[in-house]
Amino acid sequence: MEAIAIPENIATAATALLAPYRPELTPNKLKEVLSKEPEQSVRDNLVSRKDACSALHVSLPTLDRMLSEGELARVKVRGRVFVRESSIRAIIEGEAAHA
């Protein structure tokens, strides 16, 4: 994504509107924050197997097969198995694309 230069008058006006909520904000700080590249990594929550089953509308044995066949990646935390939300979304979006 290409950085966009924010005009000074717009930065000043936006800062004035946000002043009641963020009094420490200055036009230069606002322009600096808005000109930064967005972070690529988005927090990826872990979902229990039960919640993954619910989201995918499959049974627990089906989910376990998906995990063992590598269709979904398992994440183990202290012996418990979780599934990444992004993996579930990818399957849902993939199925939706074929429908």
PDB file of N, CA and C in Angstrom:
ATOM      1  N   MET A   1       0.849  -1.175   0.000  1.00  0.00           N
ATOM      2  CA  MET A   1       0.000   0.000   0.000  1.00  0.00           C
ATOM      3  C   MET A   1       0.889   1.230   0.000  1.00  0.00           C
ATOM      4  N   GLU A   2       0.604   2.174  -0.867  1.00  0.00           N
ATOM      5  CA  GLU A   2       1.408   3.373  -1.000  1.00  0.00           C
ATOM      6  C   GLU A   2       0.992   4.406   0.045  1.00  0.00           C
ATOM      7  N   ALA A   3       1.995   5.052   0.652  1.00  0.00           N
ATOM      8  CA  ALA A   3       1.720   6.073   1.663  1.00  0.00           C
ATOM      9  C   ALA A   3       1.089   7.295   1.010  1.00  0.00           C
ATOM     10  N   ILE A   4       0.119   7.886   1.673  1.00  0.00           N
ATOM     11  CA  ILE A   4      -0.575   9.062   1.166  1.00  0.00           C
ATOM     12  C   ILE A   4      -0.207  10.244   2.049  1.00  0.00           C
ATOM     13  N   ALA A   5       0.155  11.354   1.437  1.00  0.00           N
ATOM     14  CA  ALA A   5       0.472  12.566   2.195  1.00  0.00           C
ATOM     15  C   ALA A   5      -0.836  13.207   2.663  1.00  0.00           C
ATOM     16  N   ILE A   6      -0.919  13.447   3.955  1.00  0.00           N
ATOM     17  CA  ILE A   6      -2.104  14.080   4.538  1.00  0.00           C
ATOM     18  C   ILE A   6      -1.866  15.593   4.543  1.00  0.00           C
ATOM     19  N   PRO A   7      -2.761  16.372   3.915  1.00  0.00           N
ATOM     20  CA  PRO A   7      -2.602  17.827   3.932  1.00  0.00           C
ATOM     21  C   PRO A   7      -2.650  18.371   5.366  1.00  0.00           C
ATOM     22  N   GLU A   8      -1.873  19.401   5.608  1.00  0.00           N
ATOM     23  CA  GLU A   8      -1.758  19.991   6.952  1.00  0.00           C
ATOM     24  C   GLU A   8      -3.108  20.444   7.495  1.00  0.00           C
ATOM     25  N   ASN A   9      -3.932  21.073   6.652  1.00  0.00           N
ATOM     26  CA  ASN A   9      -5.230  21.575   7.142  1.00  0.00           C
ATOM     27  C   ASN A   9      -6.156  20.426   7.556  1.00  0.00           C
ATOM     28  N   ILE A  10      -6.082  19.298   6.876  1.00  0.00           N
ATOM     29  CA  ILE A  10      -6.920  18.148   7.245  1.00  0.00           C
ATOM     30  C   ILE A  10      -6.409  17.528   8.546  1.00  0.00           C
ATOM     31  N   ALA A  11      -5.098  17.404   8.680  1.00  0.00           N
ATOM     32  CA  ALA A  11      -4.523  16.863   9.918  1.00  0.00           C
ATOM     33  C   ALA A  11      -4.869  17.744  11.107  1.00  0.00           C
ATOM     34  N   THR A  12      -4.828  19.052  10.916  1.00  0.00           N
ATOM     35  CA  THR A  12      -5.165  19.982  11.995  1.00  0.00           C
ATOM     36  C   THR A  12      -6.646  19.861  12.371  1.00  0.00           C
ATOM     37  N   ALA A  13      -7.511  19.790  11.375  1.00  0.00           N
ATOM     38  CA  ALA A  13      -8.948  19.671  11.640  1.00  0.00           C
ATOM     39  C   ALA A  13      -9.266  18.349  12.349  1.00  0.00           C
ATOM     40  N   ALA A  14      -8.661  17.254  11.885  1.00  0.00           N
ATOM     41  CA  ALA A  14      -8.897  15.948  12.512  1.00  0.00           C
ATOM     42  C   ALA A  14      -8.396  15.948  13.958  1.00  0.00           C
ATOM     43  N   THR A  15      -7.257  16.567  14.185  1.00  0.00           N
ATOM     44  CA  THR A  15      -6.707  16.649  15.544  1.00  0.00           C
ATOM     45  C   THR A  15      -7.639  17.442  16.451  1.00  0.00           C
ATOM     46  N   ALA A  16      -8.209  18.513  15.929  1.00  0.00           N
ATOM     47  CA  ALA A  16      -9.148  19.321  16.719  1.00  0.00           C
ATOM     48  C   ALA A  16     -10.394  18.505  17.077  1.00  0.00           C
ATOM     49  N   LEU A  17     -10.875  17.700  16.136  1.00  0.00           N
ATOM     50  CA  LEU A  17     -12.047  16.870  16.414  1.00  0.00           C
ATOM     51  C   LEU A  17     -11.748  15.785  17.447  1.00  0.00           C
ATOM     52  N   LEU A  18     -10.530  15.264  17.428  1.00  0.00           N
ATOM     53  CA  LEU A  18     -10.158  14.188  18.342  1.00  0.00           C
ATOM     54  C   LEU A  18      -9.619  14.685  19.680  1.00  0.00           C
ATOM     55  N   ALA A  19      -9.410  15.986  19.823  1.00  0.00           N
ATOM     56  CA  ALA A  19      -8.814  16.558  21.031  1.00  0.00           C
ATOM     57  C   ALA A  19      -9.533  16.162  22.326  1.00  0.00           C
ATOM     58  N   PRO A  20     -10.868  16.130  22.371  1.00  0.00           N
ATOM     59  CA  PRO A  20     -11.517  15.722  23.630  1.00  0.00           C
ATOM     60  C   PRO A  20     -11.190  14.279  24.036  1.00  0.00           C
ATOM     61  N   TYR A  21     -10.872  13.444  23.056  1.00  0.00           N
ATOM     62  CA  TYR A  21     -10.620  12.038  23.330  1.00  0.00           C
ATOM     63  C   TYR A  21      -9.134  11.727  23.475  1.00  0.00           C
ATOM     64  N   ARG A  22      -8.301  12.441  22.743  1.00  0.00           N
ATOM     65  CA  ARG A  22      -6.847  12.260  22.762  1.00  0.00           C
ATOM     66  C   ARG A  22      -6.160  13.620  22.805  1.00  0.00           C
ATOM     67  N   PRO A  23      -6.106  14.253  23.977  1.00  0.00           N
ATOM     68  CA  PRO A  23      -5.523  15.603  24.055  1.00  0.00           C
ATOM     69  C   PRO A  23      -4.038  15.644  23.698  1.00  0.00           C
ATOM     70  N   GLU A  24      -3.336  14.526  23.801  1.00  0.00           N
ATOM     71  CA  GLU A  24      -1.904  14.508  23.484  1.00  0.00           C
ATOM     72  C   GLU A  24      -1.632  14.429  21.983  1.00  0.00           C
ATOM     73  N   LEU A  25      -2.661  14.235  21.184  1.00  0.00           N
ATOM     74  CA  LEU A  25      -2.494  14.092  19.739  1.00  0.00           C
ATOM     75  C   LEU A  25      -2.184  15.436  19.077  1.00  0.00           C
ATOM     76  N   THR A  26      -1.185  15.431  18.225  1.00  0.00           N
ATOM     77  CA  THR A  26      -0.828  16.633  17.457  1.00  0.00           C
ATOM     78  C   THR A  26      -0.980  16.319  15.975  1.00  0.00           C
ATOM     79  N   PRO A  27      -1.076  17.338  15.139  1.00  0.00           N
ATOM     80  CA  PRO A  27      -1.174  17.070  13.694  1.00  0.00           C
ATOM     81  C   PRO A  27       0.004  16.233  13.173  1.00  0.00           C
ATOM     82  N   ASN A  28       1.207  16.497  13.675  1.00  0.00           N
ATOM     83  CA  ASN A  28       2.373  15.732  13.222  1.00  0.00           C
ATOM     84  C   ASN A  28       2.299  14.270  13.648  1.00  0.00           C
ATOM     85  N   LYS A  29       1.846  14.018  14.900  1.00  0.00           N
ATOM     86  CA  LYS A  29       1.690  12.635  15.363  1.00  0.00           C
ATOM     87  C   LYS A  29       0.643  11.900  14.529  1.00  0.00           C
ATOM     88  N   LEU A  30      -0.451  12.578  14.234  1.00  0.00           N
ATOM     89  CA  LEU A  30      -1.516  11.974  13.438  1.00  0.00           C
ATOM     90  C   LEU A  30      -1.011  11.614  12.049  1.00  0.00           C
ATOM     91  N   LYS A  31      -0.298  12.536  11.419  1.00  0.00           N
ATOM     92  CA  LYS A  31       0.239  12.277  10.081  1.00  0.00           C
ATOM     93  C   LYS A  31       1.243  11.126  10.111  1.00  0.00           C
ATOM     94  N   GLU A  32       2.038  11.070  11.167  1.00  0.00           N
ATOM     95  CA  GLU A  32       3.027   9.999  11.298  1.00  0.00           C
ATOM     96  C   GLU A  32       2.347   8.633  11.406  1.00  0.00           C
ATOM     97  N   VAL A  33       1.326   8.549  12.231  1.00  0.00           N
ATOM     98  CA  VAL A  33       0.612   7.283  12.418  1.00  0.00           C
ATOM     99  C   VAL A  33      -0.100   6.863  11.133  1.00  0.00           C
ATOM    100  N   LEU A  34      -0.722   7.807  10.467  1.00  0.00           N
ATOM    101  CA  LEU A  34      -1.467   7.486   9.253  1.00  0.00           C
ATOM    102  C   LEU A  34      -0.561   7.148   8.073  1.00  0.00           C
ATOM    103  N   SER A  35       0.675   7.554   8.122  1.00  0.00           N
ATOM    104  CA  SER A  35       1.572   7.280   7.008  1.00  0.00           C
ATOM    105  C   SER A  35       2.295   5.938   7.151  1.00  0.00           C
ATOM    106  N   LYS A  36       2.194   5.303   8.312  1.00  0.00           N
ATOM    107  CA  LYS A  36       2.854   4.015   8.535  1.00  0.00           C
ATOM    108  C   LYS A  36       2.130   2.908   7.773  1.00  0.00           C
ATOM    109  N   GLU A  37       2.912   1.913   7.362  1.00  0.00           N
ATOM    110  CA  GLU A  37       2.341   0.738   6.719  1.00  0.00           C
ATOM    111  C   GLU A  37       1.563  -0.063   7.758  1.00  0.00           C
ATOM    112  N   PRO A  38       0.412  -0.615   7.384  1.00  0.00           N
ATOM    113  CA  PRO A  38      -0.329  -1.441   8.345  1.00  0.00           C
ATOM    114  C   PRO A  38       0.447  -2.711   8.654  1.00  0.00           C
ATOM    115  N   GLU A  39       0.284  -3.213   9.869  1.00  0.00           N
ATOM    116  CA  GLU A  39       0.949  -4.449  10.254  1.00  0.00           C
ATOM    117  C   GLU A  39       0.355  -5.610   9.469  1.00  0.00           C
ATOM    118  N   GLN A  40       1.214  -6.476   9.010  1.00  0.00           N
ATOM    119  CA  GLN A  40       0.763  -7.626   8.228  1.00  0.00           C
ATOM    120  C   GLN A  40       0.155  -8.715   9.111  1.00  0.00           C
ATOM    121  N   SER A  41       0.714  -8.890  10.291  1.00  0.00           N
ATOM    122  CA  SER A  41       0.222  -9.965  11.142  1.00  0.00           C
ATOM    123  C   SER A  41      -0.981  -9.491  11.943  1.00  0.00           C
ATOM    124  N   VAL A  42      -2.031 -10.222  11.839  1.00  0.00           N
ATOM    125  CA  VAL A  42      -3.243  -9.949  12.590  1.00  0.00           C
ATOM    126  C   VAL A  42      -3.338 -11.026  13.663  1.00  0.00           C
ATOM    127  N   ARG A  43      -3.759 -10.645  14.817  1.00  0.00           N
ATOM    128  CA  ARG A  43      -3.866 -11.603  15.911  1.00  0.00           C
ATOM    129  C   ARG A  43      -4.770 -12.750  15.473  1.00  0.00           C
ATOM    130  N   ASP A  44      -4.252 -13.957  15.622  1.00  0.00           N
ATOM    131  CA  ASP A  44      -4.986 -15.144  15.202  1.00  0.00           C
ATOM    132  C   ASP A  44      -5.390 -15.936  16.435  1.00  0.00           C
ATOM    133  N   ASN A  45      -6.652 -15.871  16.775  1.00  0.00           N
ATOM    134  CA  ASN A  45      -7.140 -16.541  17.974  1.00  0.00           C
ATOM    135  C   ASN A  45      -7.151 -18.045  17.798  1.00  0.00           C
ATOM    136  N   LEU A  46      -6.999 -18.745  18.920  1.00  0.00           N
ATOM    137  CA  LEU A  46      -7.118 -20.197  18.928  1.00  0.00           C
ATOM    138  C   LEU A  46      -8.525 -20.564  19.350  1.00  0.00           C
ATOM    139  N   VAL A  47      -9.058 -21.589  18.714  1.00  0.00           N
ATOM    140  CA  VAL A  47     -10.429 -22.026  18.957  1.00  0.00           C
ATOM    141  C   VAL A  47     -10.391 -23.476  19.429  1.00  0.00           C
ATOM    142  N   SER A  48     -11.227 -23.818  20.393  1.00  0.00           N
ATOM    143  CA  SER A  48     -11.289 -25.198  20.867  1.00  0.00           C
ATOM    144  C   SER A  48     -11.834 -26.097  19.756  1.00  0.00           C
ATOM    145  N   ARG A  49     -11.599 -27.387  19.888  1.00  0.00           N
ATOM    146  CA  ARG A  49     -12.115 -28.332  18.882  1.00  0.00           C
ATOM    147  C   ARG A  49     -13.642 -28.265  18.821  1.00  0.00           C
ATOM    148  N   LYS A  50     -14.276 -28.142  19.978  1.00  0.00           N
ATOM    149  CA  LYS A  50     -15.738 -28.065  20.026  1.00  0.00           C
ATOM    150  C   LYS A  50     -16.244 -26.837  19.269  1.00  0.00           C
ATOM    151  N   ASP A  51     -15.602 -25.685  19.482  1.00  0.00           N
ATOM    152  CA  ASP A  51     -16.013 -24.462  18.789  1.00  0.00           C
ATOM    153  C   ASP A  51     -15.700 -24.542  17.295  1.00  0.00           C
ATOM    154  N   ALA A  52     -14.599 -25.211  16.951  1.00  0.00           N
ATOM    155  CA  ALA A  52     -14.265 -25.398  15.537  1.00  0.00           C
ATOM    156  C   ALA A  52     -15.321 -26.251  14.853  1.00  0.00           C
ATOM    157  N   CYS A  53     -15.773 -27.296  15.543  1.00  0.00           N
ATOM    158  CA  CYS A  53     -16.844 -28.147  15.000  1.00  0.00           C
ATOM    159  C   CYS A  53     -18.096 -27.325  14.737  1.00  0.00           C
ATOM    160  N   SER A  54     -18.427 -26.486  15.693  1.00  0.00           N
ATOM    161  CA  SER A  54     -19.613 -25.645  15.562  1.00  0.00           C
ATOM    162  C   SER A  54     -19.478 -24.678  14.386  1.00  0.00           C
ATOM    163  N   ALA A  55     -18.325 -24.050  14.254  1.00  0.00           N
ATOM    164  CA  ALA A  55     -18.111 -23.074  13.181  1.00  0.00           C
ATOM    165  C   ALA A  55     -18.151 -23.732  11.810  1.00  0.00           C
ATOM    166  N   LEU A  56     -17.626 -24.955  11.712  1.00  0.00           N
ATOM    167  CA  LEU A  56     -17.568 -25.653  10.423  1.00  0.00           C
ATOM    168  C   LEU A  56     -18.781 -26.545  10.170  1.00  0.00           C
ATOM    169  N   HIS A  57     -19.634 -26.684  11.181  1.00  0.00           N
ATOM    170  CA  HIS A  57     -20.827 -27.537  11.077  1.00  0.00           C
ATOM    171  C   HIS A  57     -20.442 -28.976  10.743  1.00  0.00           C
ATOM    172  N   VAL A  58     -19.461 -29.479  11.497  1.00  0.00           N
ATOM    173  CA  VAL A  58     -19.033 -30.874  11.338  1.00  0.00           C
ATOM    174  C   VAL A  58     -18.993 -31.520  12.720  1.00  0.00           C
ATOM    175  N   SER A  59     -18.951 -32.858  12.730  1.00  0.00           N
ATOM    176  CA  SER A  59     -18.863 -33.588  13.990  1.00  0.00           C
ATOM    177  C   SER A  59     -17.418 -33.611  14.474  1.00  0.00           C
ATOM    178  N   LEU A  60     -17.240 -34.001  15.725  1.00  0.00           N
ATOM    179  CA  LEU A  60     -15.897 -34.086  16.290  1.00  0.00           C
ATOM    180  C   LEU A  60     -15.033 -35.115  15.552  1.00  0.00           C
ATOM    181  N   PRO A  61     -15.569 -36.313  15.210  1.00  0.00           N
ATOM    182  CA  PRO A  61     -14.745 -37.248  14.434  1.00  0.00           C
ATOM    183  C   PRO A  61     -14.316 -36.681  13.072  1.00  0.00           C
ATOM    184  N   THR A  62     -15.204 -35.916  12.424  1.00  0.00           N
ATOM    185  CA  THR A  62     -14.849 -35.303  11.140  1.00  0.00           C
ATOM    186  C   THR A  62     -13.750 -34.273  11.336  1.00  0.00           C
ATOM    187  N   LEU A  63     -13.862 -33.471  12.375  1.00  0.00           N
ATOM    188  CA  LEU A  63     -12.830 -32.480  12.658  1.00  0.00           C
ATOM    189  C   LEU A  63     -11.499 -33.176  12.937  1.00  0.00           C
ATOM    190  N   ASP A  64     -11.529 -34.259  13.715  1.00  0.00           N
ATOM    191  CA  ASP A  64     -10.293 -34.987  14.014  1.00  0.00           C
ATOM    192  C   ASP A  64      -9.664 -35.555  12.735  1.00  0.00           C
ATOM    193  N   ARG A  65     -10.480 -36.012  11.795  1.00  0.00           N
ATOM    194  CA  ARG A  65      -9.952 -36.473  10.507  1.00  0.00           C
ATOM    195  C   ARG A  65      -9.320 -35.313   9.742  1.00  0.00           C
ATOM    196  N   MET A  66      -9.974 -34.157   9.757  1.00  0.00           N
ATOM    197  CA  MET A  66      -9.432 -32.982   9.083  1.00  0.00           C
ATOM    198  C   MET A  66      -8.072 -32.606   9.678  1.00  0.00           C
ATOM    199  N   LEU A  67      -7.952 -32.721  10.997  1.00  0.00           N
ATOM    200  CA  LEU A  67      -6.693 -32.420  11.665  1.00  0.00           C
ATOM    201  C   LEU A  67      -5.621 -33.452  11.305  1.00  0.00           C
ATOM    202  N   SER A  68      -5.989 -34.741  11.334  1.00  0.00           N
ATOM    203  CA  SER A  68      -5.000 -35.789  11.061  1.00  0.00           C
ATOM    204  C   SER A  68      -4.575 -35.806   9.593  1.00  0.00           C
ATOM    205  N   GLU A  69      -5.465 -35.383   8.683  1.00  0.00           N
ATOM    206  CA  GLU A  69      -5.135 -35.354   7.255  1.00  0.00           C
ATOM    207  C   GLU A  69      -4.450 -34.054   6.849  1.00  0.00           C
ATOM    208  N   GLY A  70      -4.302 -33.128   7.787  1.00  0.00           N
ATOM    209  CA  GLY A  70      -3.600 -31.881   7.503  1.00  0.00           C
ATOM    210  C   GLY A  70      -4.458 -30.813   6.843  1.00  0.00           C
ATOM    211  N   GLU A  71      -5.757 -31.050   6.754  1.00  0.00           N
ATOM    212  CA  GLU A  71      -6.655 -30.044   6.186  1.00  0.00           C
ATOM    213  C   GLU A  71      -6.741 -28.830   7.109  1.00  0.00           C
ATOM    214  N   LEU A  72      -6.612 -29.085   8.389  1.00  0.00           N
ATOM    215  CA  LEU A  72      -6.533 -28.041   9.413  1.00  0.00           C
ATOM    216  C   LEU A  72      -5.266 -28.286  10.214  1.00  0.00           C
ATOM    217  N   ALA A  73      -4.605 -27.207  10.603  1.00  0.00           N
ATOM    218  CA  ALA A  73      -3.406 -27.344  11.430  1.00  0.00           C
ATOM    219  C   ALA A  73      -3.807 -27.338  12.895  1.00  0.00           C
ATOM    220  N   ARG A  74      -3.247 -28.272  13.632  1.00  0.00           N
ATOM    221  CA  ARG A  74      -3.535 -28.312  15.067  1.00  0.00           C
ATOM    222  C   ARG A  74      -2.475 -27.509  15.814  1.00  0.00           C
ATOM    223  N   VAL A  75      -2.903 -26.897  16.894  1.00  0.00           N
ATOM    224  CA  VAL A  75      -1.989 -26.167  17.770  1.00  0.00           C
ATOM    225  C   VAL A  75      -2.172 -26.765  19.155  1.00  0.00           C
ATOM    226  N   LYS A  76      -1.086 -27.326  19.692  1.00  0.00           N
ATOM    227  CA  LYS A  76      -1.167 -27.936  21.019  1.00  0.00           C
ATOM    228  C   LYS A  76      -0.670 -26.965  22.070  1.00  0.00           C
ATOM    229  N   VAL A  77      -1.455 -26.831  23.122  1.00  0.00           N
ATOM    230  CA  VAL A  77      -1.082 -26.009  24.264  1.00  0.00           C
ATOM    231  C   VAL A  77      -1.293 -26.863  25.507  1.00  0.00           C
ATOM    232  N   ARG A  78      -0.165 -27.257  26.124  1.00  0.00           N
ATOM    233  CA  ARG A  78      -0.204 -28.076  27.347  1.00  0.00           C
ATOM    234  C   ARG A  78      -1.110 -29.291  27.199  1.00  0.00           C
ATOM    235  N   GLY A  79      -1.007 -29.948  26.055  1.00  0.00           N
ATOM    236  CA  GLY A  79      -1.763 -31.176  25.834  1.00  0.00           C
ATOM    237  C   GLY A  79      -3.136 -30.990  25.217  1.00  0.00           C
ATOM    238  N   ARG A  80      -3.620 -29.772  25.194  1.00  0.00           N
ATOM    239  CA  ARG A  80      -4.929 -29.516  24.579  1.00  0.00           C
ATOM    240  C   ARG A  80      -4.734 -29.148  23.130  1.00  0.00           C
ATOM    241  N   VAL A  81      -5.697 -29.504  22.293  1.00  0.00           N
ATOM    242  CA  VAL A  81      -5.621 -29.238  20.853  1.00  0.00           C
ATOM    243  C   VAL A  81      -6.560 -28.097  20.507  1.00  0.00           C
ATOM    244  N   PHE A  82      -6.016 -27.122  19.776  1.00  0.00           N
ATOM    245  CA  PHE A  82      -6.786 -25.973  19.316  1.00  0.00           C
ATOM    246  C   PHE A  82      -6.615 -25.831  17.807  1.00  0.00           C
ATOM    247  N   VAL A  83      -7.481 -25.029  17.204  1.00  0.00           N
ATOM    248  CA  VAL A  83      -7.429 -24.739  15.772  1.00  0.00           C
ATOM    249  C   VAL A  83      -7.381 -23.224  15.625  1.00  0.00           C
ATOM    250  N   ARG A  84      -6.592 -22.748  14.675  1.00  0.00           N
ATOM    251  CA  ARG A  84      -6.511 -21.301  14.434  1.00  0.00           C
ATOM    252  C   ARG A  84      -7.781 -20.817  13.733  1.00  0.00           C
ATOM    253  N   GLU A  85      -8.276 -19.663  14.180  1.00  0.00           N
ATOM    254  CA  GLU A  85      -9.459 -19.063  13.564  1.00  0.00           C
ATOM    255  C   GLU A  85      -9.253 -18.826  12.073  1.00  0.00           C
ATOM    256  N   SER A  86      -8.043 -18.427  11.692  1.00  0.00           N
ATOM    257  CA  SER A  86      -7.766 -18.155  10.279  1.00  0.00           C
ATOM    258  C   SER A  86      -7.893 -19.413   9.427  1.00  0.00           C
ATOM    259  N   SER A  87      -7.557 -20.583   9.992  1.00  0.00           N
ATOM    260  CA  SER A  87      -7.707 -21.845   9.249  1.00  0.00           C
ATOM    261  C   SER A  87      -9.176 -22.158   9.017  1.00  0.00           C
ATOM    262  N   ILE A  88      -9.969 -21.890  10.028  1.00  0.00           N
ATOM    263  CA  ILE A  88     -11.414 -22.124   9.900  1.00  0.00           C
ATOM    264  C   ILE A  88     -11.993 -21.187   8.846  1.00  0.00           C
ATOM    265  N   ARG A  89     -11.597 -19.895   8.909  1.00  0.00           N
ATOM    266  CA  ARG A  89     -12.083 -18.931   7.915  1.00  0.00           C
ATOM    267  C   ARG A  89     -11.683 -19.329   6.513  1.00  0.00           C
ATOM    268  N   ALA A  90     -10.458 -19.829   6.351  1.00  0.00           N
ATOM    269  CA  ALA A  90      -9.979 -20.221   5.024  1.00  0.00           C
ATOM    270  C   ALA A  90     -10.827 -21.350   4.450  1.00  0.00           C
ATOM    271  N   ILE A  91     -11.196 -22.303   5.282  1.00  0.00           N
ATOM    272  CA  ILE A  91     -12.039 -23.410   4.811  1.00  0.00           C
ATOM    273  C   ILE A  91     -13.424 -22.895   4.454  1.00  0.00           C
ATOM    274  N   ILE A  92     -13.980 -22.054   5.301  1.00  0.00           N
ATOM    275  CA  ILE A  92     -15.314 -21.511   5.027  1.00  0.00           C
ATOM    276  C   ILE A  92     -15.305 -20.690   3.732  1.00  0.00           C
ATOM    277  N   GLU A  93     -14.316 -19.847   3.557  1.00  0.00           N
ATOM    278  CA  GLU A  93     -14.237 -19.038   2.342  1.00  0.00           C
ATOM    279  C   GLU A  93     -13.991 -19.890   1.116  1.00  0.00           C
ATOM    280  N   GLY A  94     -13.208 -20.955   1.275  1.00  0.00           N
ATOM    281  CA  GLY A  94     -12.951 -21.858   0.142  1.00  0.00           C
ATOM    282  C   GLY A  94     -14.207 -22.580  -0.289  1.00  0.00           C
ATOM    283  N   GLU A  95     -14.994 -23.024   0.675  1.00  0.00           N
ATOM    284  CA  GLU A  95     -16.254 -23.702   0.352  1.00  0.00           C
ATOM    285  C   GLU A  95     -17.238 -22.713  -0.254  1.00  0.00           C
ATOM    286  N   ALA A  96     -17.247 -21.494   0.260  1.00  0.00           N
ATOM    287  CA  ALA A  96     -18.169 -20.480  -0.256  1.00  0.00           C
ATOM    288  C   ALA A  96     -17.827 -20.119  -1.695  1.00  0.00           C
ATOM    289  N   ALA A  97     -16.510 -20.164  -2.029  1.00  0.00           N
ATOM    290  CA  ALA A  97     -16.086 -19.820  -3.387  1.00  0.00           C
ATOM    291  C   ALA A  97     -16.544 -20.866  -4.398  1.00  0.00           C
ATOM    292  N   HIS A  98     -16.674 -22.143  -3.937  1.00  0.00           N
ATOM    293  CA  HIS A  98     -17.078 -23.207  -4.849  1.00  0.00           C
ATOM    294  C   HIS A  98     -18.600 -23.320  -4.989  1.00  0.00           C
ATOM    295  N   ALA A  99     -19.319 -22.688  -4.063  1.00  0.00           N
ATOM    296  CA  ALA A  99     -20.782 -22.812  -4.071  1.00  0.00           C
ATOM    297  C   ALA A  99     -21.408 -22.021  -5.185  1.00  0.00           C
TER     298      ALA A  99
END
